[in-house]
Amino acid sequence: MFKTLTIAAAAIAASATFASADSYISNFVLEQDNPQQVELGTVRADGNGVVEVYTFHKGEIGALIGSEAVMAGANTDVDVDINRVDTDAIAILKVNGEIVDTQELEFN
């Protein structure tokens, strides 16, 4: 009985991981160099959505400093023009109004 429950729990956990990985920000540039633009790389979304970039300091989300619309599917080379302030930032991917992924960004 225990073995069956363990296998079932593992199967459910694996399927939940795959389901939540359908929309994401693939940011290979964790430290941003350009003070006027954020490079996010590939953004994959289950539906049409938006990437919003906010100031982010000490775990607190601040003001919106830029946004970029994304289409359903893989959006390559997504860059967001921003009005830079002297703090780090966070990119938030929203699809159908729901937050589906976030990515913290550090500026050099």
PDB file of N, CA and C in Angstrom:
ATOM      1  N   MET A   1       0.827  -1.199   0.000  1.00  0.00           N
ATOM      2  CA  MET A   1       0.000   0.000   0.000  1.00  0.00           C
ATOM      3  C   MET A   1       0.869   1.261   0.000  1.00  0.00           C
ATOM      4  N   PHE A   2       1.893   1.284   0.867  1.00  0.00           N
ATOM      5  CA  PHE A   2       2.769   2.444   0.951  1.00  0.00           C
ATOM      6  C   PHE A   2       3.465   2.703  -0.379  1.00  0.00           C
ATOM      7  N   LYS A   3       3.915   1.630  -1.044  1.00  0.00           N
ATOM      8  CA  LYS A   3       4.606   1.769  -2.322  1.00  0.00           C
ATOM      9  C   LYS A   3       3.682   2.388  -3.367  1.00  0.00           C
ATOM     10  N   THR A   4       2.417   1.979  -3.394  1.00  0.00           N
ATOM     11  CA  THR A   4       1.447   2.516  -4.344  1.00  0.00           C
ATOM     12  C   THR A   4       1.198   3.993  -4.081  1.00  0.00           C
ATOM     13  N   LEU A   5       1.055   4.372  -2.830  1.00  0.00           N
ATOM     14  CA  LEU A   5       0.837   5.780  -2.488  1.00  0.00           C
ATOM     15  C   LEU A   5       2.038   6.630  -2.869  1.00  0.00           C
ATOM     16  N   THR A   6       3.227   6.121  -2.655  1.00  0.00           N
ATOM     17  CA  THR A   6       4.431   6.857  -3.009  1.00  0.00           C
ATOM     18  C   THR A   6       4.508   7.086  -4.514  1.00  0.00           C
ATOM     19  N   ILE A   7       4.238   6.059  -5.294  1.00  0.00           N
ATOM     20  CA  ILE A   7       4.264   6.186  -6.758  1.00  0.00           C
ATOM     21  C   ILE A   7       3.194   7.163  -7.225  1.00  0.00           C
ATOM     22  N   ALA A   8       1.983   7.076  -6.651  1.00  0.00           N
ATOM     23  CA  ALA A   8       0.900   7.991  -7.031  1.00  0.00           C
ATOM     24  C   ALA A   8       1.262   9.431  -6.684  1.00  0.00           C
ATOM     25  N   ALA A   9       1.843   9.649  -5.512  1.00  0.00           N
ATOM     26  CA  ALA A   9       2.236  10.997  -5.103  1.00  0.00           C
ATOM     27  C   ALA A   9       3.316  11.543  -6.033  1.00  0.00           C
ATOM     28  N   ALA A  10       4.268  10.705  -6.411  1.00  0.00           N
ATOM     29  CA  ALA A  10       5.320  11.142  -7.321  1.00  0.00           C
ATOM     30  C   ALA A  10       4.752  11.493  -8.691  1.00  0.00           C
ATOM     31  N   ALA A  11       3.789  10.722  -9.168  1.00  0.00           N
ATOM     32  CA  ALA A  11       3.166  11.000 -10.466  1.00  0.00           C
ATOM     33  C   ALA A  11       2.409  12.316 -10.439  1.00  0.00           C
ATOM     34  N   ILE A  12       1.698  12.575  -9.355  1.00  0.00           N
ATOM     35  CA  ILE A  12       0.958  13.837  -9.236  1.00  0.00           C
ATOM     36  C   ILE A  12       1.925  15.015  -9.176  1.00  0.00           C
ATOM     37  N   ALA A  13       2.994  14.889  -8.403  1.00  0.00           N
ATOM     38  CA  ALA A  13       3.980  15.967  -8.303  1.00  0.00           C
ATOM     39  C   ALA A  13       4.622  16.241  -9.654  1.00  0.00           C
ATOM     40  N   ALA A  14       4.942  15.200 -10.401  1.00  0.00           N
ATOM     41  CA  ALA A  14       5.559  15.378 -11.716  1.00  0.00           C
ATOM     42  C   ALA A  14       4.611  16.055 -12.682  1.00  0.00           C
ATOM     43  N   SER A  15       3.344  15.686 -12.667  1.00  0.00           N
ATOM     44  CA  SER A  15       2.387  16.306 -13.589  1.00  0.00           C
ATOM     45  C   SER A  15       2.138  17.752 -13.211  1.00  0.00           C
ATOM     46  N   ALA A  16       2.160  18.083 -11.932  1.00  0.00           N
ATOM     47  CA  ALA A  16       1.984  19.474 -11.500  1.00  0.00           C
ATOM     48  C   ALA A  16       3.163  20.322 -11.960  1.00  0.00           C
ATOM     49  N   THR A  17       4.357  19.768 -11.919  1.00  0.00           N
ATOM     50  CA  THR A  17       5.534  20.496 -12.371  1.00  0.00           C
ATOM     51  C   THR A  17       5.440  20.804 -13.852  1.00  0.00           C
ATOM     52  N   PHE A  18       5.042  19.826 -14.656  1.00  0.00           N
ATOM     53  CA  PHE A  18       4.916  20.055 -16.086  1.00  0.00           C
ATOM     54  C   PHE A  18       3.818  21.050 -16.390  1.00  0.00           C
ATOM     55  N   ALA A  19       2.719  20.997 -15.679  1.00  0.00           N
ATOM     56  CA  ALA A  19       1.604  21.914 -15.934  1.00  0.00           C
ATOM     57  C   ALA A  19       1.998  23.351 -15.631  1.00  0.00           C
ATOM     58  N   SER A  20       2.780  23.566 -14.583  1.00  0.00           N
ATOM     59  CA  SER A  20       3.138  24.933 -14.210  1.00  0.00           C
ATOM     60  C   SER A  20       4.298  25.466 -15.041  1.00  0.00           C
ATOM     61  N   ALA A  21       4.958  24.625 -15.821  1.00  0.00           N
ATOM     62  CA  ALA A  21       6.115  25.059 -16.601  1.00  0.00           C
ATOM     63  C   ALA A  21       5.740  25.484 -18.014  1.00  0.00           C
ATOM     64  N   ASP A  22       4.454  25.662 -18.309  1.00  0.00           N
ATOM     65  CA  ASP A  22       4.033  26.008 -19.655  1.00  0.00           C
ATOM     66  C   ASP A  22       4.285  27.471 -20.007  1.00  0.00           C
ATOM     67  N   SER A  23       4.304  28.347 -19.033  1.00  0.00           N
ATOM     68  CA  SER A  23       4.569  29.766 -19.257  1.00  0.00           C
ATOM     69  C   SER A  23       5.743  30.165 -18.380  1.00  0.00           C
ATOM     70  N   TYR A  24       6.734  30.802 -18.985  1.00  0.00           N
ATOM     71  CA  TYR A  24       7.896  31.175 -18.197  1.00  0.00           C
ATOM     72  C   TYR A  24       8.746  32.224 -18.894  1.00  0.00           C
ATOM     73  N   ILE A  25       9.570  32.875 -18.088  1.00  0.00           N
ATOM     74  CA  ILE A  25      10.569  33.819 -18.571  1.00  0.00           C
ATOM     75  C   ILE A  25      11.901  33.085 -18.533  1.00  0.00           C
ATOM     76  N   SER A  26      12.591  33.034 -19.643  1.00  0.00           N
ATOM     77  CA  SER A  26      13.886  32.348 -19.713  1.00  0.00           C
ATOM     78  C   SER A  26      14.978  33.394 -19.788  1.00  0.00           C
ATOM     79  N   ASN A  27      15.363  33.926 -18.650  1.00  0.00           N
ATOM     80  CA  ASN A  27      16.329  35.023 -18.612  1.00  0.00           C
ATOM     81  C   ASN A  27      17.722  34.484 -18.330  1.00  0.00           C
ATOM     82  N   PHE A  28      18.568  34.510 -19.337  1.00  0.00           N
ATOM     83  CA  PHE A  28      19.944  34.096 -19.149  1.00  0.00           C
ATOM     84  C   PHE A  28      20.825  35.282 -18.781  1.00  0.00           C
ATOM     85  N   VAL A  29      20.291  36.484 -18.821  1.00  0.00           N
ATOM     86  CA  VAL A  29      21.038  37.689 -18.488  1.00  0.00           C
ATOM     87  C   VAL A  29      20.538  38.174 -17.131  1.00  0.00           C
ATOM     88  N   LEU A  30      21.021  37.557 -16.058  1.00  0.00           N
ATOM     89  CA  LEU A  30      20.541  37.923 -14.731  1.00  0.00           C
ATOM     90  C   LEU A  30      21.017  39.303 -14.308  1.00  0.00           C
ATOM     91  N   GLU A  31      22.232  39.680 -14.725  1.00  0.00           N
ATOM     92  CA  GLU A  31      22.727  41.022 -14.434  1.00  0.00           C
ATOM     93  C   GLU A  31      22.597  41.863 -15.689  1.00  0.00           C
ATOM     94  N   GLN A  32      21.787  42.881 -15.622  1.00  0.00           N
ATOM     95  CA  GLN A  32      21.487  43.732 -16.761  1.00  0.00           C
ATOM     96  C   GLN A  32      22.510  44.860 -16.866  1.00  0.00           C
ATOM     97  N   ASP A  33      22.960  45.144 -18.099  1.00  0.00           N
ATOM     98  CA  ASP A  33      23.953  46.186 -18.328  1.00  0.00           C
ATOM     99  C   ASP A  33      23.349  47.490 -18.840  1.00  0.00           C
ATOM    100  N   ASN A  34      22.259  47.411 -19.585  1.00  0.00           N
ATOM    101  CA  ASN A  34      21.672  48.589 -20.213  1.00  0.00           C
ATOM    102  C   ASN A  34      20.666  49.234 -19.259  1.00  0.00           C
ATOM    103  N   PRO A  35      20.883  50.479 -18.855  1.00  0.00           N
ATOM    104  CA  PRO A  35      19.963  51.114 -17.905  1.00  0.00           C
ATOM    105  C   PRO A  35      18.621  51.518 -18.529  1.00  0.00           C
ATOM    106  N   GLN A  36      18.481  51.382 -19.839  1.00  0.00           N
ATOM    107  CA  GLN A  36      17.235  51.773 -20.508  1.00  0.00           C
ATOM    108  C   GLN A  36      16.446  50.582 -21.057  1.00  0.00           C
ATOM    109  N   GLN A  37      16.973  49.353 -20.887  1.00  0.00           N
ATOM    110  CA  GLN A  37      16.312  48.193 -21.472  1.00  0.00           C
ATOM    111  C   GLN A  37      16.643  46.936 -20.669  1.00  0.00           C
ATOM    112  N   VAL A  38      15.642  46.067 -20.522  1.00  0.00           N
ATOM    113  CA  VAL A  38      15.823  44.782 -19.867  1.00  0.00           C
ATOM    114  C   VAL A  38      15.772  43.702 -20.941  1.00  0.00           C
ATOM    115  N   GLU A  39      16.791  42.844 -20.968  1.00  0.00           N
ATOM    116  CA  GLU A  39      16.844  41.728 -21.906  1.00  0.00           C
ATOM    117  C   GLU A  39      16.344  40.471 -21.200  1.00  0.00           C
ATOM    118  N   LEU A  40      15.229  39.914 -21.693  1.00  0.00           N
ATOM    119  CA  LEU A  40      14.636  38.740 -21.051  1.00  0.00           C
ATOM    120  C   LEU A  40      14.851  37.446 -21.822  1.00  0.00           C
ATOM    121  N   GLY A  41      15.358  37.518 -23.036  1.00  0.00           N
ATOM    122  CA  GLY A  41      15.549  36.298 -23.805  1.00  0.00           C
ATOM    123  C   GLY A  41      14.215  35.759 -24.290  1.00  0.00           C
ATOM    124  N   THR A  42      14.015  34.453 -24.176  1.00  0.00           N
ATOM    125  CA  THR A  42      12.773  33.821 -24.633  1.00  0.00           C
ATOM    126  C   THR A  42      11.730  33.835 -23.531  1.00  0.00           C
ATOM    127  N   VAL A  43      10.545  34.279 -23.881  1.00  0.00           N
ATOM    128  CA  VAL A  43       9.403  34.234 -22.964  1.00  0.00           C
ATOM    129  C   VAL A  43       8.355  33.335 -23.601  1.00  0.00           C
ATOM    130  N   ARG A  44       7.983  32.286 -22.902  1.00  0.00           N
ATOM    131  CA  ARG A  44       6.978  31.351 -23.409  1.00  0.00           C
ATOM    132  C   ARG A  44       5.686  31.568 -22.631  1.00  0.00           C
ATOM    133  N   ALA A  45       4.582  31.675 -23.372  1.00  0.00           N
ATOM    134  CA  ALA A  45       3.290  31.931 -22.731  1.00  0.00           C
ATOM    135  C   ALA A  45       2.218  31.022 -23.318  1.00  0.00           C
ATOM    136  N   ASP A  46       1.326  30.537 -22.454  1.00  0.00           N
ATOM    137  CA  ASP A  46       0.205  29.697 -22.895  1.00  0.00           C
ATOM    138  C   ASP A  46      -0.824  30.489 -23.677  1.00  0.00           C
ATOM    139  N   GLY A  47      -0.878  31.770 -23.457  1.00  0.00           N
ATOM    140  CA  GLY A  47      -1.818  32.643 -24.151  1.00  0.00           C
ATOM    141  C   GLY A  47      -1.200  34.019 -24.296  1.00  0.00           C
ATOM    142  N   ASN A  48      -1.912  34.923 -24.939  1.00  0.00           N
ATOM    143  CA  ASN A  48      -1.415  36.301 -25.060  1.00  0.00           C
ATOM    144  C   ASN A  48      -1.303  36.908 -23.664  1.00  0.00           C
ATOM    145  N   GLY A  49      -0.254  37.694 -23.481  1.00  0.00           N
ATOM    146  CA  GLY A  49      -0.050  38.272 -22.164  1.00  0.00           C
ATOM    147  C   GLY A  49       0.864  39.467 -22.213  1.00  0.00           C
ATOM    148  N   VAL A  50       1.469  39.756 -21.072  1.00  0.00           N
ATOM    149  CA  VAL A  50       2.336  40.921 -20.949  1.00  0.00           C
ATOM    150  C   VAL A  50       3.430  40.620 -19.926  1.00  0.00           C
ATOM    151  N   VAL A  51       4.612  41.160 -20.198  1.00  0.00           N
ATOM    152  CA  VAL A  51       5.684  41.159 -19.208  1.00  0.00           C
ATOM    153  C   VAL A  51       5.760  42.576 -18.665  1.00  0.00           C
ATOM    154  N   GLU A  52       5.613  42.694 -17.363  1.00  0.00           N
ATOM    155  CA  GLU A  52       5.707  43.997 -16.701  1.00  0.00           C
ATOM    156  C   GLU A  52       6.964  44.013 -15.841  1.00  0.00           C
ATOM    157  N   VAL A  53       7.693  45.116 -15.892  1.00  0.00           N
ATOM    158  CA  VAL A  53       8.913  45.257 -15.098  1.00  0.00           C
ATOM    159  C   VAL A  53       8.661  46.344 -14.053  1.00  0.00           C
ATOM    160  N   TYR A  54       8.904  45.974 -12.801  1.00  0.00           N
ATOM    161  CA  TYR A  54       8.697  46.871 -11.669  1.00  0.00           C
ATOM    162  C   TYR A  54      10.012  47.062 -10.923  1.00  0.00           C
ATOM    163  N   THR A  55      10.148  48.175 -10.222  1.00  0.00           N
ATOM    164  CA  THR A  55      11.270  48.317  -9.309  1.00  0.00           C
ATOM    165  C   THR A  55      11.102  47.258  -8.223  1.00  0.00           C
ATOM    166  N   PHE A  56      12.228  46.831  -7.659  1.00  0.00           N
ATOM    167  CA  PHE A  56      12.195  45.754  -6.661  1.00  0.00           C
ATOM    168  C   PHE A  56      13.333  45.994  -5.687  1.00  0.00           C
ATOM    169  N   HIS A  57      12.988  46.211  -4.419  1.00  0.00           N
ATOM    170  CA  HIS A  57      14.004  46.515  -3.411  1.00  0.00           C
ATOM    171  C   HIS A  57      13.605  45.888  -2.083  1.00  0.00           C
ATOM    172  N   LYS A  58      14.535  45.102  -1.518  1.00  0.00           N
ATOM    173  CA  LYS A  58      14.315  44.439  -0.224  1.00  0.00           C
ATOM    174  C   LYS A  58      13.025  43.609  -0.228  1.00  0.00           C
ATOM    175  N   GLY A  59      12.779  42.911  -1.336  1.00  0.00           N
ATOM    176  CA  GLY A  59      11.614  42.035  -1.419  1.00  0.00           C
ATOM    177  C   GLY A  59      10.297  42.735  -1.679  1.00  0.00           C
ATOM    178  N   GLU A  60      10.336  44.039  -1.909  1.00  0.00           N
ATOM    179  CA  GLU A  60       9.125  44.812  -2.139  1.00  0.00           C
ATOM    180  C   GLU A  60       9.022  45.254  -3.594  1.00  0.00           C
ATOM    181  N   ILE A  61       7.871  44.998  -4.214  1.00  0.00           N
ATOM    182  CA  ILE A  61       7.610  45.441  -5.578  1.00  0.00           C
ATOM    183  C   ILE A  61       7.176  46.893  -5.527  1.00  0.00           C
ATOM    184  N   GLY A  62       7.794  47.710  -6.389  1.00  0.00           N
ATOM    185  CA  GLY A  62       7.503  49.134  -6.406  1.00  0.00           C
ATOM    186  C   GLY A  62       6.759  49.557  -7.658  1.00  0.00           C
ATOM    187  N   ALA A  63       7.253  50.592  -8.300  1.00  0.00           N
ATOM    188  CA  ALA A  63       6.592  51.228  -9.440  1.00  0.00           C
ATOM    189  C   ALA A  63       6.830  50.449 -10.742  1.00  0.00           C
ATOM    190  N   LEU A  64       5.831  50.482 -11.610  1.00  0.00           N
ATOM    191  CA  LEU A  64       5.947  49.921 -12.957  1.00  0.00           C
ATOM    192  C   LEU A  64       6.895  50.814 -13.756  1.00  0.00           C
ATOM    193  N   ILE A  65       7.940  50.208 -14.355  1.00  0.00           N
ATOM    194  CA  ILE A  65       8.903  51.008 -15.119  1.00  0.00           C
ATOM    195  C   ILE A  65       8.960  50.604 -16.590  1.00  0.00           C
ATOM    196  N   GLY A  66       8.198  49.583 -16.995  1.00  0.00           N
ATOM    197  CA  GLY A  66       8.158  49.185 -18.397  1.00  0.00           C
ATOM    198  C   GLY A  66       7.315  47.942 -18.596  1.00  0.00           C
ATOM    199  N   SER A  67       6.856  47.741 -19.829  1.00  0.00           N
ATOM    200  CA  SER A  67       6.080  46.534 -20.138  1.00  0.00           C
ATOM    201  C   SER A  67       6.211  46.209 -21.618  1.00  0.00           C
ATOM    202  N   GLU A  68       5.951  44.943 -21.939  1.00  0.00           N
ATOM    203  CA  GLU A  68       6.025  44.468 -23.319  1.00  0.00           C
ATOM    204  C   GLU A  68       4.996  43.353 -23.504  1.00  0.00           C
ATOM    205  N   ALA A  69       4.175  43.480 -24.537  1.00  0.00           N
ATOM    206  CA  ALA A  69       3.185  42.445 -24.840  1.00  0.00           C
ATOM    207  C   ALA A  69       3.878  41.204 -25.395  1.00  0.00           C
ATOM    208  N   VAL A  70       3.352  40.034 -25.059  1.00  0.00           N
ATOM    209  CA  VAL A  70       3.832  38.772 -25.622  1.00  0.00           C
ATOM    210  C   VAL A  70       2.642  38.008 -26.179  1.00  0.00           C
ATOM    211  N   MET A  71       2.923  37.190 -27.170  1.00  0.00           N
ATOM    212  CA  MET A  71       1.889  36.384 -27.817  1.00  0.00           C
ATOM    213  C   MET A  71       1.968  34.954 -27.282  1.00  0.00           C
ATOM    214  N   ALA A  72       0.924  34.189 -27.493  1.00  0.00           N
ATOM    215  CA  ALA A  72       0.938  32.784 -27.113  1.00  0.00           C
ATOM    216  C   ALA A  72       2.068  32.084 -27.853  1.00  0.00           C
ATOM    217  N   GLY A  73       2.786  31.217 -27.164  1.00  0.00           N
ATOM    218  CA  GLY A  73       3.905  30.498 -27.760  1.00  0.00           C
ATOM    219  C   GLY A  73       5.230  31.076 -27.312  1.00  0.00           C
ATOM    220  N   ALA A  74       6.276  30.770 -28.066  1.00  0.00           N
ATOM    221  CA  ALA A  74       7.619  31.236 -27.728  1.00  0.00           C
ATOM    222  C   ALA A  74       7.873  32.600 -28.348  1.00  0.00           C
ATOM    223  N   ASN A  75       8.219  33.549 -27.528  1.00  0.00           N
ATOM    224  CA  ASN A  75       8.575  34.904 -27.951  1.00  0.00           C
ATOM    225  C   ASN A  75      10.077  35.039 -27.728  1.00  0.00           C
ATOM    226  N   THR A  76      10.850  35.091 -28.813  1.00  0.00           N
ATOM    227  CA  THR A  76      12.299  35.137 -28.675  1.00  0.00           C
ATOM    228  C   THR A  76      12.799  36.572 -28.579  1.00  0.00           C
ATOM    229  N   ASP A  77      13.922  36.734 -27.918  1.00  0.00           N
ATOM    230  CA  ASP A  77      14.593  38.034 -27.789  1.00  0.00           C
ATOM    231  C   ASP A  77      13.666  39.129 -27.270  1.00  0.00           C
ATOM    232  N   VAL A  78      12.964  38.856 -26.187  1.00  0.00           N
ATOM    233  CA  VAL A  78      12.065  39.856 -25.600  1.00  0.00           C
ATOM    234  C   VAL A  78      12.894  40.871 -24.817  1.00  0.00           C
ATOM    235  N   ASP A  79      12.767  42.124 -25.219  1.00  0.00           N
ATOM    236  CA  ASP A  79      13.414  43.244 -24.537  1.00  0.00           C
ATOM    237  C   ASP A  79      12.325  44.212 -24.090  1.00  0.00           C
ATOM    238  N   VAL A  80      12.485  44.760 -22.895  1.00  0.00           N
ATOM    239  CA  VAL A  80      11.521  45.719 -22.372  1.00  0.00           C
ATOM    240  C   VAL A  80      12.231  47.042 -22.146  1.00  0.00           C
ATOM    241  N   ASP A  81      11.772  48.093 -22.827  1.00  0.00           N
ATOM    242  CA  ASP A  81      12.291  49.437 -22.585  1.00  0.00           C
ATOM    243  C   ASP A  81      11.793  49.895 -21.223  1.00  0.00           C
ATOM    244  N   ILE A  82      12.698  50.461 -20.439  1.00  0.00           N
ATOM    245  CA  ILE A  82      12.324  50.866 -19.080  1.00  0.00           C
ATOM    246  C   ILE A  82      12.741  52.302 -18.806  1.00  0.00           C
ATOM    247  N   ASN A  83      12.072  52.898 -17.827  1.00  0.00           N
ATOM    248  CA  ASN A  83      12.483  54.167 -17.242  1.00  0.00           C
ATOM    249  C   ASN A  83      13.235  53.782 -15.975  1.00  0.00           C
ATOM    250  N   ARG A  84      14.529  53.731 -16.053  1.00  0.00           N
ATOM    251  CA  ARG A  84      15.367  53.183 -14.994  1.00  0.00           C
ATOM    252  C   ARG A  84      15.445  54.092 -13.785  1.00  0.00           C
ATOM    253  N   VAL A  85      15.380  53.460 -12.640  1.00  0.00           N
ATOM    254  CA  VAL A  85      15.647  54.135 -11.374  1.00  0.00           C
ATOM    255  C   VAL A  85      16.795  53.399 -10.713  1.00  0.00           C
ATOM    256  N   ASP A  86      17.325  53.932  -9.640  1.00  0.00           N
ATOM    257  CA  ASP A  86      18.502  53.332  -9.005  1.00  0.00           C
ATOM    258  C   ASP A  86      18.125  52.216  -8.035  1.00  0.00           C
ATOM    259  N   THR A  87      17.612  51.120  -8.585  1.00  0.00           N
ATOM    260  CA  THR A  87      17.279  49.949  -7.787  1.00  0.00           C
ATOM    261  C   THR A  87      17.212  48.745  -8.712  1.00  0.00           C
ATOM    262  N   ASP A  88      17.166  47.561  -8.159  1.00  0.00           N
ATOM    263  CA  ASP A  88      16.980  46.369  -8.972  1.00  0.00           C
ATOM    264  C   ASP A  88      15.530  46.307  -9.411  1.00  0.00           C
ATOM    265  N   ALA A  89      15.186  45.270 -10.164  1.00  0.00           N
ATOM    266  CA  ALA A  89      13.835  45.191 -10.723  1.00  0.00           C
ATOM    267  C   ALA A  89      13.347  43.745 -10.690  1.00  0.00           C
ATOM    268  N   ILE A  90      12.083  43.576 -11.022  1.00  0.00           N
ATOM    269  CA  ILE A  90      11.487  42.255 -11.149  1.00  0.00           C
ATOM    270  C   ILE A  90      10.601  42.260 -12.388  1.00  0.00           C
ATOM    271  N   ALA A  91      10.739  41.212 -13.197  1.00  0.00           N
ATOM    272  CA  ALA A  91       9.883  41.044 -14.380  1.00  0.00           C
ATOM    273  C   ALA A  91       8.776  40.074 -13.996  1.00  0.00           C
ATOM    274  N   ILE A  92       7.541  40.439 -14.335  1.00  0.00           N
ATOM    275  CA  ILE A  92       6.380  39.615 -14.012  1.00  0.00           C
ATOM    276  C   ILE A  92       5.652  39.289 -15.307  1.00  0.00           C
ATOM    277  N   LEU A  93       5.497  37.990 -15.586  1.00  0.00           N
ATOM    278  CA  LEU A  93       4.764  37.536 -16.760  1.00  0.00           C
ATOM    279  C   LEU A  93       3.323  37.267 -16.354  1.00  0.00           C
ATOM    280  N   LYS A  94       2.389  37.937 -17.045  1.00  0.00           N
ATOM    281  CA  LYS A  94       0.964  37.736 -16.794  1.00  0.00           C
ATOM    282  C   LYS A  94       0.307  37.207 -18.055  1.00  0.00           C
ATOM    283  N   VAL A  95      -0.498  36.160 -17.910  1.00  0.00           N
ATOM    284  CA  VAL A  95      -1.297  35.607 -18.994  1.00  0.00           C
ATOM    285  C   VAL A  95      -2.742  35.578 -18.500  1.00  0.00           C
ATOM    286  N   ASN A  96      -3.629  36.164 -19.283  1.00  0.00           N
ATOM    287  CA  ASN A  96      -5.045  36.266 -18.892  1.00  0.00           C
ATOM    288  C   ASN A  96      -5.203  36.917 -17.518  1.00  0.00           C
ATOM    289  N   GLY A  97      -4.348  37.911 -17.241  1.00  0.00           N
ATOM    290  CA  GLY A  97      -4.442  38.652 -15.990  1.00  0.00           C
ATOM    291  C   GLY A  97      -3.848  37.945 -14.786  1.00  0.00           C
ATOM    292  N   GLU A  98      -3.376  36.711 -14.952  1.00  0.00           N
ATOM    293  CA  GLU A  98      -2.814  35.937 -13.849  1.00  0.00           C
ATOM    294  C   GLU A  98      -1.291  35.954 -13.922  1.00  0.00           C
ATOM    295  N   ILE A  99      -0.633  36.104 -12.786  1.00  0.00           N
ATOM    296  CA  ILE A  99       0.823  36.027 -12.733  1.00  0.00           C
ATOM    297  C   ILE A  99       1.220  34.567 -12.889  1.00  0.00           C
ATOM    298  N   VAL A 100       2.050  34.283 -13.911  1.00  0.00           N
ATOM    299  CA  VAL A 100       2.471  32.908 -14.152  1.00  0.00           C
ATOM    300  C   VAL A 100       3.969  32.702 -13.941  1.00  0.00           C
ATOM    301  N   ASP A 101       4.756  33.784 -13.896  1.00  0.00           N
ATOM    302  CA  ASP A 101       6.177  33.650 -13.623  1.00  0.00           C
ATOM    303  C   ASP A 101       6.743  35.011 -13.234  1.00  0.00           C
ATOM    304  N   THR A 102       7.838  34.965 -12.492  1.00  0.00           N
ATOM    305  CA  THR A 102       8.569  36.185 -12.131  1.00  0.00           C
ATOM    306  C   THR A 102      10.057  35.937 -12.302  1.00  0.00           C
ATOM    307  N   GLN A 103      10.804  36.994 -12.485  1.00  0.00           N
ATOM    308  CA  GLN A 103      12.255  36.889 -12.594  1.00  0.00           C
ATOM    309  C   GLN A 103      12.870  38.140 -11.974  1.00  0.00           C
ATOM    310  N   GLU A 104      13.654  37.957 -10.917  1.00  0.00           N
ATOM    311  CA  GLU A 104      14.360  39.091 -10.324  1.00  0.00           C
ATOM    312  C   GLU A 104      15.515  39.501 -11.220  1.00  0.00           C
ATOM    313  N   LEU A 105      15.766  40.792 -11.308  1.00  0.00           N
ATOM    314  CA  LEU A 105      16.803  41.343 -12.199  1.00  0.00           C
ATOM    315  C   LEU A 105      17.731  42.236 -11.392  1.00  0.00           C
ATOM    316  N   GLU A 106      19.027  42.086 -11.604  1.00  0.00           N
ATOM    317  CA  GLU A 106      20.017  42.937 -10.965  1.00  0.00           C
ATOM    318  C   GLU A 106      20.678  43.798 -12.019  1.00  0.00           C
ATOM    319  N   PHE A 107      20.901  45.048 -11.708  1.00  0.00           N
ATOM    320  CA  PHE A 107      21.567  45.966 -12.631  1.00  0.00           C
ATOM    321  C   PHE A 107      23.004  46.176 -12.178  1.00  0.00           C
ATOM    322  N   ASN A 108      23.905  46.207 -13.163  1.00  0.00           N
ATOM    323  CA  ASN A 108      25.328  46.450 -12.866  1.00  0.00           C
ATOM    324  C   ASN A 108      25.567  47.902 -12.533  1.00  0.00           C
TER     325      ASN A 108
END
